[in-house]
Amino acid sequence: MPVTQSDIDALNSAIASGERRVTLGSQSITYASIAELIQARDDMRRQITEQSITAPRRRTLLYYGGRGYQ
């Protein structure tokens, strides 16, 4: 299941309110501490970053082999 920004928003609101129970989609997760919530949020942010980077980048190379224009 791909991570979405709404999942990260749910974790941010739980961190802000001090809750340790979060519902993401149809799953309800209870974390042991706020530190685990922060770690899960950071991991989701990393996954979103990786998803956006996986798109191939186009690269153009220009070669010049002449003496100049005459």
C-alpha atoms as a PDB file:
ATOM      1  CA  MET A   1       0.000   0.000   0.000  1.00  0.00           C
ATOM      2  CA  PRO A   2       1.576   3.293  -1.038  1.00  0.00           C
ATOM      3  CA  VAL A   3       1.948   5.990   1.560  1.00  0.00           C
ATOM      4  CA  THR A   4      -0.124   9.138   1.076  1.00  0.00           C
ATOM      5  CA  GLN A   5       0.122  12.632   2.499  1.00  0.00           C
ATOM      6  CA  SER A   6      -3.118  12.023   4.459  1.00  0.00           C
ATOM      7  CA  ASP A   7      -1.355   9.192   6.340  1.00  0.00           C
ATOM      8  CA  ILE A   8       1.407  11.586   7.351  1.00  0.00           C
ATOM      9  CA  ASP A   9      -1.175  14.208   8.319  1.00  0.00           C
ATOM     10  CA  ALA A  10      -2.919  11.675  10.574  1.00  0.00           C
ATOM     11  CA  LEU A  11       0.377  10.923  12.324  1.00  0.00           C
ATOM     12  CA  ASN A  12       1.144  14.642  12.688  1.00  0.00           C
ATOM     13  CA  SER A  13      -2.228  15.306  14.317  1.00  0.00           C
ATOM     14  CA  ALA A  14      -1.732  12.360  16.685  1.00  0.00           C
ATOM     15  CA  ILE A  15       1.720  13.664  17.634  1.00  0.00           C
ATOM     16  CA  ALA A  16       0.322  17.154  18.229  1.00  0.00           C
ATOM     17  CA  SER A  17      -2.530  15.890  20.408  1.00  0.00           C
ATOM     18  CA  GLY A  18      -0.400  13.345  22.298  1.00  0.00           C
ATOM     19  CA  GLU A  19      -2.453  10.346  21.187  1.00  0.00           C
ATOM     20  CA  ARG A  20      -0.746   7.040  20.572  1.00  0.00           C
ATOM     21  CA  ARG A  21      -3.583   5.400  18.613  1.00  0.00           C
ATOM     22  CA  VAL A  22      -3.830   6.245  14.908  1.00  0.00           C
ATOM     23  CA  THR A  23      -6.222   5.004  12.219  1.00  0.00           C
ATOM     24  CA  LEU A  24      -4.715   4.801   8.730  1.00  0.00           C
ATOM     25  CA  GLY A  25      -7.228   3.641   6.170  1.00  0.00           C
ATOM     26  CA  SER A  26      -8.882   0.565   7.659  1.00  0.00           C
ATOM     27  CA  GLN A  27      -6.074  -0.196  10.117  1.00  0.00           C
ATOM     28  CA  SER A  28      -5.884   1.099  13.654  1.00  0.00           C
ATOM     29  CA  ILE A  29      -2.409   1.153  15.180  1.00  0.00           C
ATOM     30  CA  THR A  30      -1.408   1.821  18.790  1.00  0.00           C
ATOM     31  CA  TYR A  31       2.179   2.967  19.238  1.00  0.00           C
ATOM     32  CA  ALA A  32       4.121   2.449  22.460  1.00  0.00           C
ATOM     33  CA  SER A  33       5.370   6.032  22.647  1.00  0.00           C
ATOM     34  CA  ILE A  34       5.365   9.383  20.901  1.00  0.00           C
ATOM     35  CA  ALA A  35       8.943   8.645  19.809  1.00  0.00           C
ATOM     36  CA  GLU A  36       7.648   5.661  17.808  1.00  0.00           C
ATOM     37  CA  LEU A  37       5.009   7.893  16.216  1.00  0.00           C
ATOM     38  CA  ILE A  38       7.695  10.361  15.160  1.00  0.00           C
ATOM     39  CA  GLN A  39       9.828   7.531  13.799  1.00  0.00           C
ATOM     40  CA  ALA A  40       6.871   6.159  11.796  1.00  0.00           C
ATOM     41  CA  ARG A  41       6.123   9.635  10.407  1.00  0.00           C
ATOM     42  CA  ASP A  42       9.750  10.139   9.366  1.00  0.00           C
ATOM     43  CA  ASP A  43       9.748   6.718   7.694  1.00  0.00           C
ATOM     44  CA  MET A  44       6.585   7.603   5.753  1.00  0.00           C
ATOM     45  CA  ARG A  45       8.133  10.893   4.656  1.00  0.00           C
ATOM     46  CA  ARG A  46      11.168   8.974   3.398  1.00  0.00           C
ATOM     47  CA  GLN A  47       8.907   6.584   1.470  1.00  0.00           C
ATOM     48  CA  ILE A  48       7.071   9.476  -0.208  1.00  0.00           C
ATOM     49  CA  THR A  49      10.401  11.022  -1.168  1.00  0.00           C
ATOM     50  CA  GLU A  50      11.558   7.714  -2.660  1.00  0.00           C
ATOM     51  CA  GLN A  51       8.299   7.381  -4.611  1.00  0.00           C
ATOM     52  CA  SER A  52       8.819  10.768  -6.214  1.00  0.00           C
ATOM     53  CA  ILE A  53      12.488  10.097  -7.027  1.00  0.00           C
ATOM     54  CA  THR A  54      11.866   6.770  -8.794  1.00  0.00           C
ATOM     55  CA  ALA A  55      10.721   8.547 -11.966  1.00  0.00           C
ATOM     56  CA  PRO A  56      13.537   8.328 -14.524  1.00  0.00           C
ATOM     57  CA  ARG A  57      15.314  11.563 -15.279  1.00  0.00           C
ATOM     58  CA  ARG A  58      16.000  12.621 -18.822  1.00  0.00           C
ATOM     59  CA  ARG A  59      19.552  13.551 -19.636  1.00  0.00           C
ATOM     60  CA  THR A  60      20.725  15.380 -22.740  1.00  0.00           C
ATOM     61  CA  LEU A  61      24.367  15.381 -23.761  1.00  0.00           C
ATOM     62  CA  LEU A  62      25.709  17.767 -26.380  1.00  0.00           C
ATOM     63  CA  TYR A  63      28.975  17.061 -28.164  1.00  0.00           C
ATOM     64  CA  TYR A  64      31.030  19.465 -30.209  1.00  0.00           C
ATOM     65  CA  GLY A  65      33.741  18.133 -32.452  1.00  0.00           C
ATOM     66  CA  GLY A  66      34.395  20.863 -34.984  1.00  0.00           C
ATOM     67  CA  ARG A  67      36.770  23.796 -35.253  1.00  0.00           C
ATOM     68  CA  GLY A  68      34.102  26.418 -35.413  1.00  0.00           C
ATOM     69  CA  TYR A  69      31.749  28.103 -37.821  1.00  0.00           C
ATOM     70  CA  GLN A  70      33.126  29.458 -41.099  1.00  0.00           C
END
